[in-house]
Amino acid sequence: MNIKTKLRLGLGILVAMIVLLVALSVVNLQILTATEPTSPAAGPGLYRALIWVLVVGAFSIIIGVVLLLLLPGSINKPIHELANGIQEIANHNYAKRLYLKSQEFVEVSHNFNRMAKRLEDYHASTLSKMMASKKFMETIINSVREPIIGLDNEMNVAFINDEALNIINLTREEIIMKSAKEVALHNDLLRRLVRELVDTEKSDSHTKSEPLKIYADNKESYFQMNSMPITQMDKDGVTPKQQGYVIMLKNITEFKELDSAKTTFISTVSHELKTPISAIMMSLQLLEDERVGSLNEEQTELAKSIQDNSERLLNITSELLNMTQVESGKLQLKPRVTKPIELIEYAIKANRVQAEKFKIQIEVQYPEEKIGRLFVDSEKIAWVLTNLLSNAIRYSYENGRIIIGARQSDDGYIEMFVQDFGRGIDPRYHKSIFDHYFRVPGTKVQGSGLGLSISKDFVEAHGGTLSIQSELGKGCCFIMRLKV
């Protein structure tokens, strides 16, 4: 029976009972009106009329109450079942089916069940594909021989391969879908990785961090950490939306061992070369001594050439030794209180002969007011200033000028600078010039390409910075900043 029939039947019964009640009342009223009040039949007639009215009225009330209780429920029940079915589908319960008997909802039930069946089949096929894809991705990730960890935006571990589990020393159940920050409270390596990731995000820096020293494969190993955000297109298909992060660790133990071997080799060779070079220079001094015998003009030129090349070799070996000290971590600082002017005077004195050779005028800019003193290894910082001033002389034009000086900044640093007015350095190479063995393309001046990199290492070992300001055709200004 459909809803329309139910409503018609219910209303029809109510109307019929009301009509019956009214008709009964009218008939009895007419009978009572026609009967004399003093007649013996008046009393029983009135009694019968009341009984009939009460019975029919009570019956009408009962029917009305029954219809009131049952009719709305019979109408609301299929609608409620349909709403519940839709809610179940919305909650991904595609196994839900409806069996509504109301005529209007038979077709609705049939269509609903068809839709649910198709959704269930689609979900089953999609889920199986997703599970297969997930399994395939897990196989690929586990086949990578480098540790990989995936995090979502809330820093929960979304995936991790076996190599990462091995070095972190955790099981998959202990970390997967767990908060990396919470697990890191009891795991030192994971704590370092999370901290590096957070620091990288805050500084928005893409520079490589220092290698991590990890005990793995029953030996000390070195890993280089790299991290990158995971993004996918938003609903509009254009805007990228971040979904998490991937941490990758590259095993660089082999390269670290090779680098260590290279450093040891360079250190040994450089140290061994200093002795014969010193012997050559001593022999040159003996040759130039007139008590041994005078040299002709050609011999003097040859001796001068040997001396120049010997000094150049000695400088290169000294630079190599300094570099190996930094790379091996054996750089030892012996700080003492030093005035900046003392370091500047040392650098000028060490380069005076070279400046006179190229007719370079060196100007000193030093504030008249008293500036602070430095607590540094004076030999190392003096070496840096000497190297910067030597470079400035070599790259300046003949009869040019160079400015060397110091000043105190408002943020508690002392800045020492060397400025030349030569050809300058292209801004493209401002970072590369501090790399080992790098030389600006097209440079004709001889050099090892180590001076600036060693200078930067020395300054940074003191907690300072070494930077460059330069434009082509306007010379260079190297600025060294050290804490007072």
Protein backbone atom coordinates (compact mmCIF):
# COMPACT_ATOMS: atom_id res chain seq x y z
CA MET A 1 0.00 0.00 0.00
CA ASN A 2 1.40 3.37 -0.99
CA ILE A 3 1.44 6.49 1.15
CA LYS A 4 -1.35 8.14 -0.80
CA THR A 5 -3.69 5.16 -0.22
CA LYS A 6 -2.78 5.07 3.45
CA LEU A 7 -3.65 8.74 3.86
CA ARG A 8 -6.94 8.36 1.96
CA LEU A 9 -7.93 5.28 3.99
CA GLY A 10 -7.09 6.89 7.32
CA LEU A 11 -8.87 10.13 6.53
CA GLY A 12 -11.82 8.19 5.08
CA ILE A 13 -12.25 6.13 8.27
CA LEU A 14 -12.06 9.27 10.42
CA VAL A 15 -14.63 11.09 8.26
CA ALA A 16 -16.93 8.05 8.22
CA MET A 17 -16.81 7.74 12.02
CA ILE A 18 -17.53 11.45 12.40
CA VAL A 19 -20.46 11.23 9.95
CA LEU A 20 -21.78 8.13 11.77
CA LEU A 21 -21.49 9.90 15.09
CA VAL A 22 -23.28 13.00 13.80
CA ALA A 23 -26.01 10.92 12.09
CA LEU A 24 -26.57 8.84 15.20
CA SER A 25 -26.79 11.94 17.31
CA VAL A 26 -29.31 13.58 14.94
CA VAL A 27 -31.52 10.43 14.75
CA ASN A 28 -31.58 9.99 18.52
CA LEU A 29 -32.22 13.68 18.99
CA GLN A 30 -35.22 13.51 16.65
CA ILE A 31 -36.58 10.42 18.50
CA LEU A 32 -36.18 12.11 21.86
CA THR A 33 -37.80 15.30 20.56
CA ALA A 34 -40.83 13.38 19.29
CA THR A 35 -41.30 11.58 22.65
CA GLU A 36 -43.25 13.24 25.47
CA PRO A 37 -41.01 14.06 28.43
CA THR A 38 -43.57 12.52 30.80
CA SER A 39 -43.86 9.36 28.73
CA PRO A 40 -42.49 6.14 30.27
CA ALA A 41 -40.38 5.56 27.08
CA ALA A 42 -38.55 8.88 27.40
CA GLY A 43 -36.07 7.69 30.06
CA PRO A 44 -34.95 4.45 28.33
CA GLY A 45 -34.76 6.23 24.99
CA LEU A 46 -32.48 8.89 26.38
CA TYR A 47 -30.35 6.21 28.01
CA ARG A 48 -30.02 4.27 24.72
CA ALA A 49 -29.14 7.45 22.84
CA LEU A 50 -26.34 8.28 25.28
CA ILE A 51 -24.99 4.74 25.13
CA TRP A 52 -24.88 4.78 21.31
CA VAL A 53 -23.26 8.22 21.18
CA LEU A 54 -20.69 7.22 23.81
CA VAL A 55 -19.85 3.92 22.13
CA VAL A 56 -19.56 5.40 18.65
CA GLY A 57 -17.64 8.41 19.99
CA ALA A 58 -15.22 6.20 21.96
CA PHE A 59 -14.73 3.97 18.96
CA SER A 60 -14.00 7.05 16.81
CA ILE A 61 -11.48 8.31 19.35
CA ILE A 62 -9.78 4.92 19.49
CA ILE A 63 -9.57 4.75 15.71
CA GLY A 64 -8.23 8.33 15.61
CA VAL A 65 -5.57 7.53 18.22
CA VAL A 66 -4.55 4.34 16.39
CA LEU A 67 -4.26 6.25 13.11
CA LEU A 68 -2.30 8.99 14.89
CA LEU A 69 0.16 6.46 16.26
CA LEU A 70 0.51 4.17 13.26
CA LEU A 71 0.00 6.32 10.18
CA PRO A 72 2.92 8.82 10.67
CA GLY A 73 5.24 5.94 11.56
CA SER A 74 4.29 3.92 8.50
CA ILE A 75 4.92 7.01 6.35
CA ASN A 76 8.16 8.06 8.16
CA LYS A 77 9.72 4.59 8.40
CA PRO A 78 10.73 4.17 4.72
CA ILE A 79 11.97 7.77 4.58
CA HIS A 80 14.05 7.17 7.73
CA GLU A 81 15.43 3.90 6.31
CA LEU A 82 16.33 5.69 3.08
CA ALA A 83 18.10 8.46 5.00
CA ASN A 84 20.02 5.87 7.04
CA GLY A 85 20.98 4.03 3.88
CA ILE A 86 22.33 7.23 2.32
CA GLN A 87 24.29 7.92 5.53
CA GLU A 88 25.81 4.43 5.43
CA ILE A 89 26.89 4.95 1.82
CA ALA A 90 28.39 8.30 2.80
CA ASN A 91 30.36 6.44 5.50
CA HIS A 92 31.73 4.07 2.83
CA ASN A 93 29.56 1.12 3.93
CA TYR A 94 28.81 0.02 0.39
CA ALA A 95 27.34 -3.34 1.56
CA LYS A 96 24.19 -1.57 2.79
CA ARG A 97 20.93 -2.63 1.06
CA LEU A 98 17.32 -1.37 1.32
CA TYR A 99 14.16 -3.51 1.17
CA LEU A 100 11.30 -1.01 1.37
CA LYS A 101 7.79 -2.43 0.79
CA SER A 102 6.01 0.88 0.34
CA GLN A 103 4.95 1.12 -3.29
CA GLU A 104 6.55 4.53 -3.84
CA PHE A 105 9.89 3.28 -2.44
CA VAL A 106 10.13 -0.06 -4.21
CA GLU A 107 11.75 1.57 -7.24
CA VAL A 108 13.84 3.79 -4.97
CA SER A 109 15.08 0.70 -3.09
CA HIS A 110 15.88 -1.05 -6.33
CA ASN A 111 17.87 1.93 -7.68
CA PHE A 112 19.56 2.45 -4.32
CA ASN A 113 20.69 -1.17 -4.21
CA ARG A 114 21.98 -0.97 -7.79
CA MET A 115 23.98 2.13 -6.89
CA ALA A 116 25.35 0.51 -3.71
CA LYS A 117 26.35 -2.62 -5.63
CA ARG A 118 28.20 -0.62 -8.26
CA LEU A 119 29.93 1.46 -5.57
CA GLU A 120 30.86 -1.72 -3.71
CA ASP A 121 32.31 -3.27 -6.85
CA TYR A 122 34.16 -0.07 -7.74
CA HIS A 123 35.47 0.30 -4.21
CA ALA A 124 36.60 -3.31 -4.13
CA SER A 125 38.41 -2.98 -7.45
CA THR A 126 39.87 0.44 -6.51
CA LEU A 127 40.91 -0.82 -3.09
CA SER A 128 42.59 -3.85 -4.59
CA LYS A 129 44.39 -1.61 -7.07
CA MET A 130 45.41 0.74 -4.26
CA MET A 131 46.63 -2.14 -2.15
CA ALA A 132 48.54 -3.53 -5.12
CA SER A 133 50.03 -0.07 -5.82
CA LYS A 134 50.89 0.34 -2.14
CA LYS A 135 52.56 -3.06 -2.10
CA PHE A 136 54.43 -2.21 -5.28
CA MET A 137 55.61 1.13 -3.84
CA GLU A 138 56.70 -0.55 -0.62
CA THR A 139 58.67 -3.08 -2.66
CA ILE A 140 60.36 -0.29 -4.61
CA ILE A 141 61.17 1.68 -1.45
CA ASN A 142 62.55 -1.40 0.27
CA SER A 143 64.65 -2.24 -2.78
CA VAL A 144 66.46 1.10 -2.47
CA ARG A 145 69.73 0.46 -0.69
CA GLU A 146 69.70 3.89 0.98
CA PRO A 147 67.60 4.72 4.09
CA ILE A 148 64.32 6.52 3.26
CA ILE A 149 61.73 7.89 5.71
CA GLY A 150 58.42 9.52 4.71
CA LEU A 151 56.55 11.91 7.01
CA ASP A 152 53.18 13.59 6.66
CA ASN A 153 52.52 17.23 7.55
CA GLU A 154 51.87 16.26 11.20
CA MET A 155 55.29 14.58 11.37
CA ASN A 156 53.80 11.10 11.53
CA VAL A 157 55.87 8.37 9.86
CA ALA A 158 53.97 7.41 6.70
CA PHE A 159 56.52 4.93 5.31
CA ILE A 160 60.03 3.71 6.02
CA ASN A 161 62.22 1.18 4.25
CA ASP A 162 64.21 -1.68 5.75
CA GLU A 163 67.55 0.15 5.47
CA ALA A 164 66.23 3.02 7.59
CA LEU A 165 64.79 0.58 10.14
CA ASN A 166 68.19 -1.07 10.32
CA ILE A 167 70.15 2.06 11.17
CA ILE A 168 67.44 3.49 13.45
CA ASN A 169 67.24 0.11 15.21
CA LEU A 170 63.44 -0.01 15.40
CA THR A 171 60.77 -2.35 14.10
CA ARG A 172 58.12 -1.28 11.60
CA GLU A 173 55.38 -1.64 14.22
CA GLU A 174 57.25 0.69 16.60
CA ILE A 175 57.42 3.59 14.16
CA ILE A 176 54.95 3.33 11.26
CA MET A 177 52.05 5.82 11.61
CA LYS A 178 53.55 7.01 14.91
CA SER A 179 54.59 10.58 15.67
CA ALA A 180 58.25 10.97 14.71
CA LYS A 181 58.71 13.58 17.43
CA GLU A 182 57.41 11.22 20.11
CA VAL A 183 59.49 8.28 18.90
CA ALA A 184 62.51 10.62 18.66
CA LEU A 185 62.34 11.20 22.41
CA HIS A 186 63.78 7.70 22.85
CA ASN A 187 65.85 7.47 19.66
CA ASP A 188 68.92 9.70 19.25
CA LEU A 189 69.34 9.23 15.50
CA LEU A 190 65.70 9.96 14.67
CA ARG A 191 65.88 13.01 16.93
CA ARG A 192 68.85 14.32 14.92
CA LEU A 193 67.02 13.71 11.65
CA VAL A 194 63.86 15.50 12.80
CA ARG A 195 65.89 18.40 14.18
CA GLU A 196 67.82 18.74 10.91
CA LEU A 197 64.53 18.68 8.97
CA VAL A 198 62.93 21.33 11.20
CA ASP A 199 66.03 23.55 11.07
CA THR A 200 66.16 23.25 7.28
CA GLU A 201 62.47 24.23 7.00
CA LYS A 202 62.92 27.21 9.32
CA SER A 203 66.02 28.54 7.60
CA ASP A 204 64.63 27.73 4.12
CA SER A 205 68.16 26.62 3.28
CA HIS A 206 69.05 24.07 0.63
CA THR A 207 72.70 23.75 1.63
CA LYS A 208 73.91 20.31 2.58
CA SER A 209 74.20 19.57 6.28
CA GLU A 210 77.24 18.00 7.88
CA PRO A 211 77.48 14.22 7.40
CA LEU A 212 75.97 12.08 10.16
CA LYS A 213 78.25 9.59 11.83
CA ILE A 214 76.22 6.41 12.44
CA TYR A 215 77.19 2.97 13.67
CA ALA A 216 75.75 0.67 10.99
CA ASP A 217 76.73 -2.67 9.45
CA ASN A 218 79.01 -3.31 12.44
CA LYS A 219 81.14 -0.28 11.67
CA GLU A 220 81.10 3.49 11.81
CA SER A 221 79.45 4.85 8.69
CA TYR A 222 78.81 8.33 7.36
CA PHE A 223 75.50 9.41 5.87
CA GLN A 224 74.57 12.62 4.09
CA MET A 225 71.02 13.70 4.90
CA ASN A 226 68.82 15.20 2.19
CA SER A 227 65.20 16.19 2.66
CA MET A 228 62.53 17.43 0.30
CA PRO A 229 58.83 18.29 0.60
CA ILE A 230 56.15 16.06 -0.95
CA THR A 231 53.66 18.14 -2.94
CA GLN A 232 50.67 17.40 -5.12
CA MET A 233 48.25 19.57 -7.02
CA ASP A 234 45.25 20.89 -5.10
CA LYS A 235 41.65 20.38 -6.25
CA ASP A 236 42.01 23.19 -8.76
CA GLY A 237 44.79 21.22 -10.47
CA VAL A 238 47.13 24.21 -10.41
CA THR A 239 48.05 25.12 -6.83
CA PRO A 240 50.69 22.81 -5.31
CA LYS A 241 49.79 21.56 -1.83
CA GLN A 242 52.36 20.11 0.55
CA GLN A 243 51.56 16.62 1.82
CA GLY A 244 54.65 15.86 3.88
CA TYR A 245 58.40 15.27 3.68
CA VAL A 246 60.87 12.63 2.55
CA ILE A 247 64.17 12.13 4.39
CA MET A 248 66.88 10.36 2.41
CA LEU A 249 70.25 9.28 3.79
CA LYS A 250 73.07 8.66 1.34
CA ASN A 251 75.85 6.41 2.53
CA ILE A 252 79.06 8.35 1.88
CA THR A 253 81.35 6.18 4.00
CA GLU A 254 83.36 5.10 0.96
CA PHE A 255 83.81 8.70 -0.20
CA LYS A 256 84.64 9.80 3.34
CA GLU A 257 87.33 7.14 3.54
CA LEU A 258 88.72 8.18 0.17
CA ASP A 259 88.65 11.83 1.23
CA SER A 260 90.44 10.95 4.43
CA ALA A 261 93.05 9.02 2.46
CA LYS A 262 93.43 11.98 0.10
CA THR A 263 93.87 14.37 3.02
CA THR A 264 96.47 12.10 4.61
CA PHE A 265 98.32 11.76 1.31
CA ILE A 266 98.37 15.53 0.68
CA SER A 267 99.47 16.19 4.24
CA THR A 268 102.31 13.66 3.99
CA VAL A 269 103.50 14.86 0.58
CA SER A 270 103.30 18.54 1.58
CA HIS A 271 105.22 17.89 4.75
CA GLU A 272 107.89 15.91 2.92
CA LEU A 273 108.22 18.60 0.22
CA LYS A 274 109.01 21.35 2.71
CA THR A 275 112.40 19.82 3.56
CA PRO A 276 113.85 19.68 0.00
CA ILE A 277 112.36 23.09 -0.84
CA SER A 278 114.01 24.58 2.23
CA ALA A 279 117.28 22.91 1.20
CA ILE A 280 116.99 24.44 -2.30
CA MET A 281 116.44 27.90 -0.84
CA MET A 282 119.40 27.45 1.50
CA SER A 283 121.58 26.45 -1.45
CA LEU A 284 120.40 29.56 -3.33
CA GLN A 285 121.46 31.74 -0.44
CA LEU A 286 124.91 30.14 -0.54
CA LEU A 287 125.15 30.69 -4.30
CA GLU A 288 124.26 34.37 -3.90
CA ASP A 289 126.93 34.82 -1.21
CA GLU A 290 129.83 36.62 -2.94
CA ARG A 291 132.31 34.92 -0.63
CA VAL A 292 131.62 31.70 -2.51
CA GLY A 293 131.99 33.41 -5.83
CA SER A 294 130.23 35.98 -7.97
CA LEU A 295 127.51 35.03 -10.51
CA ASN A 296 127.24 36.41 -13.98
CA GLU A 297 124.06 38.07 -15.16
CA GLU A 298 122.55 34.92 -16.67
CA GLN A 299 123.31 32.88 -13.54
CA THR A 300 121.74 35.58 -11.36
CA GLU A 301 118.53 35.49 -13.39
CA LEU A 302 118.39 31.69 -13.13
CA ALA A 303 118.96 31.85 -9.38
CA LYS A 304 116.19 34.45 -9.05
CA SER A 305 113.82 32.25 -11.08
CA ILE A 306 114.64 29.23 -8.89
CA GLN A 307 114.04 31.30 -5.76
CA ASP A 308 110.67 32.63 -7.01
CA ASN A 309 109.44 29.14 -7.90
CA SER A 310 110.76 27.69 -4.66
CA GLU A 311 108.90 30.34 -2.67
CA ARG A 312 105.77 29.62 -4.67
CA LEU A 313 106.10 25.89 -3.96
CA LEU A 314 106.68 26.63 -0.28
CA ASN A 315 103.53 28.76 -0.14
CA ILE A 316 101.50 26.04 -1.87
CA THR A 317 102.74 23.34 0.53
CA SER A 318 101.92 25.61 3.48
CA GLU A 319 98.40 26.13 2.11
CA LEU A 320 97.98 22.39 1.60
CA LEU A 321 99.07 21.70 5.16
CA ASN A 322 96.60 24.28 6.47
CA MET A 323 93.85 22.71 4.36
CA THR A 324 94.56 19.21 5.65
CA GLN A 325 94.47 20.51 9.23
CA VAL A 326 90.96 21.87 8.64
CA GLU A 327 89.69 18.79 6.77
CA SER A 328 91.03 16.32 9.33
CA GLY A 329 89.59 18.30 12.23
CA LYS A 330 93.05 18.84 13.72
CA LEU A 331 92.96 22.61 13.46
CA GLN A 332 94.07 23.92 16.84
CA LEU A 333 93.45 27.52 17.80
CA LYS A 334 95.64 29.34 20.28
CA PRO A 335 93.65 32.50 20.96
CA ARG A 336 95.02 35.55 22.71
CA VAL A 337 93.96 39.18 23.05
CA THR A 338 95.06 41.04 19.93
CA LYS A 339 94.58 44.56 18.57
CA PRO A 340 93.22 44.66 15.00
CA ILE A 341 95.88 47.20 14.01
CA GLU A 342 98.60 44.68 14.89
CA LEU A 343 97.15 42.15 12.46
CA ILE A 344 96.88 44.81 9.74
CA GLU A 345 100.48 45.93 10.24
CA TYR A 346 101.68 42.32 10.05
CA ALA A 347 99.86 41.78 6.74
CA ILE A 348 101.28 45.01 5.26
CA LYS A 349 104.81 44.12 6.34
CA ALA A 350 104.52 40.61 4.85
CA ASN A 351 103.42 42.05 1.47
CA ARG A 352 105.57 45.17 1.33
CA VAL A 353 108.07 43.74 -1.16
CA GLN A 354 105.31 42.48 -3.45
CA ALA A 355 103.52 45.85 -3.28
CA GLU A 356 106.69 47.73 -4.16
CA LYS A 357 107.32 45.38 -7.06
CA PHE A 358 103.96 46.27 -8.64
CA LYS A 359 104.09 49.88 -7.39
CA ILE A 360 100.93 49.44 -5.38
CA GLN A 361 100.06 52.02 -2.73
CA ILE A 362 98.54 50.53 0.43
CA GLU A 363 96.26 52.82 2.45
CA VAL A 364 95.16 52.10 6.00
CA GLN A 365 91.72 53.12 7.26
CA TYR A 366 91.55 52.84 11.01
CA PRO A 367 89.12 54.73 13.26
CA GLU A 368 90.53 57.43 15.49
CA GLU A 369 88.27 56.41 18.35
CA LYS A 370 89.26 53.36 20.31
CA ILE A 371 87.84 50.06 19.05
CA GLY A 372 87.67 46.71 20.83
CA ARG A 373 90.26 43.99 20.90
CA LEU A 374 89.94 40.51 19.47
CA PHE A 375 90.40 37.20 21.27
CA VAL A 376 91.66 35.13 18.35
CA ASP A 377 94.52 32.99 17.15
CA SER A 378 96.60 35.89 15.87
CA GLU A 379 98.70 33.69 13.58
CA LYS A 380 95.65 32.30 11.78
CA ILE A 381 93.87 35.65 11.40
CA ALA A 382 97.11 37.37 10.36
CA TRP A 383 97.53 34.65 7.72
CA VAL A 384 94.03 35.40 6.43
CA LEU A 385 94.70 39.14 6.18
CA THR A 386 98.08 38.49 4.54
CA ASN A 387 96.46 36.20 1.97
CA LEU A 388 93.68 38.71 1.21
CA LEU A 389 96.18 41.55 0.82
CA SER A 390 98.44 39.38 -1.37
CA ASN A 391 95.49 38.56 -3.64
CA ALA A 392 94.50 42.23 -3.82
CA ILE A 393 98.04 43.16 -4.92
CA ARG A 394 98.19 40.43 -7.56
CA TYR A 395 94.82 41.36 -9.06
CA SER A 396 95.31 45.15 -8.94
CA TYR A 397 96.52 47.25 -11.83
CA GLU A 398 100.09 48.53 -11.71
CA ASN A 399 100.42 51.88 -9.89
CA GLY A 400 97.06 51.20 -8.28
CA ARG A 401 96.00 51.46 -4.66
CA ILE A 402 94.57 49.13 -2.02
CA ILE A 403 92.69 49.97 1.18
CA ILE A 404 93.05 47.81 4.27
CA GLY A 405 91.37 48.71 7.52
CA ALA A 406 89.11 47.88 10.42
CA ARG A 407 85.93 49.24 11.98
CA GLN A 408 83.57 48.28 14.78
CA SER A 409 79.94 47.62 13.94
CA ASP A 410 76.94 48.37 16.13
CA ASP A 411 76.14 44.67 16.63
CA GLY A 412 79.35 43.93 18.55
CA TYR A 413 81.56 42.78 15.68
CA ILE A 414 84.88 44.07 14.37
CA GLU A 415 85.12 44.14 10.60
CA MET A 416 88.51 44.00 8.91
CA PHE A 417 88.46 44.56 5.18
CA VAL A 418 90.76 44.60 2.15
CA GLN A 419 89.58 46.55 -0.89
CA ASP A 420 91.21 46.73 -4.30
CA PHE A 421 90.21 48.57 -7.46
CA GLY A 422 91.06 45.92 -10.03
CA ARG A 423 88.85 44.14 -12.54
CA GLY A 424 86.53 42.65 -9.89
CA ILE A 425 84.78 39.28 -9.77
CA ASP A 426 81.55 38.36 -11.52
CA PRO A 427 78.72 37.93 -8.93
CA ARG A 428 78.11 34.44 -10.37
CA TYR A 429 81.34 33.28 -8.73
CA HIS A 430 80.98 34.95 -5.32
CA LYS A 431 80.14 31.65 -3.62
CA SER A 432 82.40 29.43 -5.69
CA ILE A 433 85.60 31.38 -4.97
CA PHE A 434 85.56 29.98 -1.42
CA ASP A 435 85.60 26.37 -2.71
CA HIS A 436 88.80 24.34 -2.74
CA TYR A 437 90.86 24.66 -5.94
CA PHE A 438 88.37 27.01 -7.60
CA ARG A 439 89.76 29.75 -9.78
CA VAL A 440 87.68 32.32 -11.62
CA PRO A 441 87.54 31.43 -15.34
CA GLY A 442 89.85 33.57 -17.44
CA THR A 443 92.21 34.36 -14.54
CA LYS A 444 95.81 34.56 -15.70
CA VAL A 445 97.37 35.12 -12.27
CA GLN A 446 98.94 31.94 -10.93
CA GLY A 447 97.57 30.40 -7.75
CA SER A 448 96.49 27.15 -6.12
CA GLY A 449 92.86 28.10 -5.55
CA LEU A 450 93.17 27.24 -1.87
CA GLY A 451 93.87 30.57 -0.20
CA LEU A 452 90.30 31.84 0.05
CA SER A 453 88.84 28.48 1.09
CA ILE A 454 91.42 28.14 3.87
CA SER A 455 90.85 31.75 4.91
CA LYS A 456 87.12 31.10 5.18
CA ASP A 457 87.74 27.96 7.26
CA PHE A 458 90.06 29.86 9.62
CA VAL A 459 87.55 32.69 10.10
CA GLU A 460 84.58 30.36 10.61
CA ALA A 461 86.61 28.37 13.15
CA HIS A 462 86.60 31.59 15.20
CA GLY A 463 82.82 31.94 14.81
CA GLY A 464 83.17 34.73 12.25
CA THR A 465 82.32 35.21 8.58
CA LEU A 466 84.24 36.07 5.42
CA SER A 467 82.31 37.66 2.56
CA ILE A 468 82.91 39.49 -0.69
CA GLN A 469 81.46 42.61 -2.29
CA SER A 470 82.42 42.99 -5.92
CA GLU A 471 81.29 44.14 -9.33
CA LEU A 472 83.04 43.71 -12.64
CA GLY A 473 85.27 46.67 -13.34
CA LYS A 474 84.98 48.05 -9.78
CA GLY A 475 87.34 45.85 -7.83
CA CYS A 476 86.71 43.64 -4.78
CA CYS A 477 86.22 44.17 -1.09
CA PHE A 478 86.68 41.17 1.25
CA ILE A 479 85.16 41.67 4.70
CA MET A 480 86.07 39.57 7.72
CA ARG A 481 83.69 39.86 10.71
CA LEU A 482 84.82 38.65 14.14
CA LYS A 483 83.10 38.90 17.50
CA VAL A 484 84.71 41.31 19.96
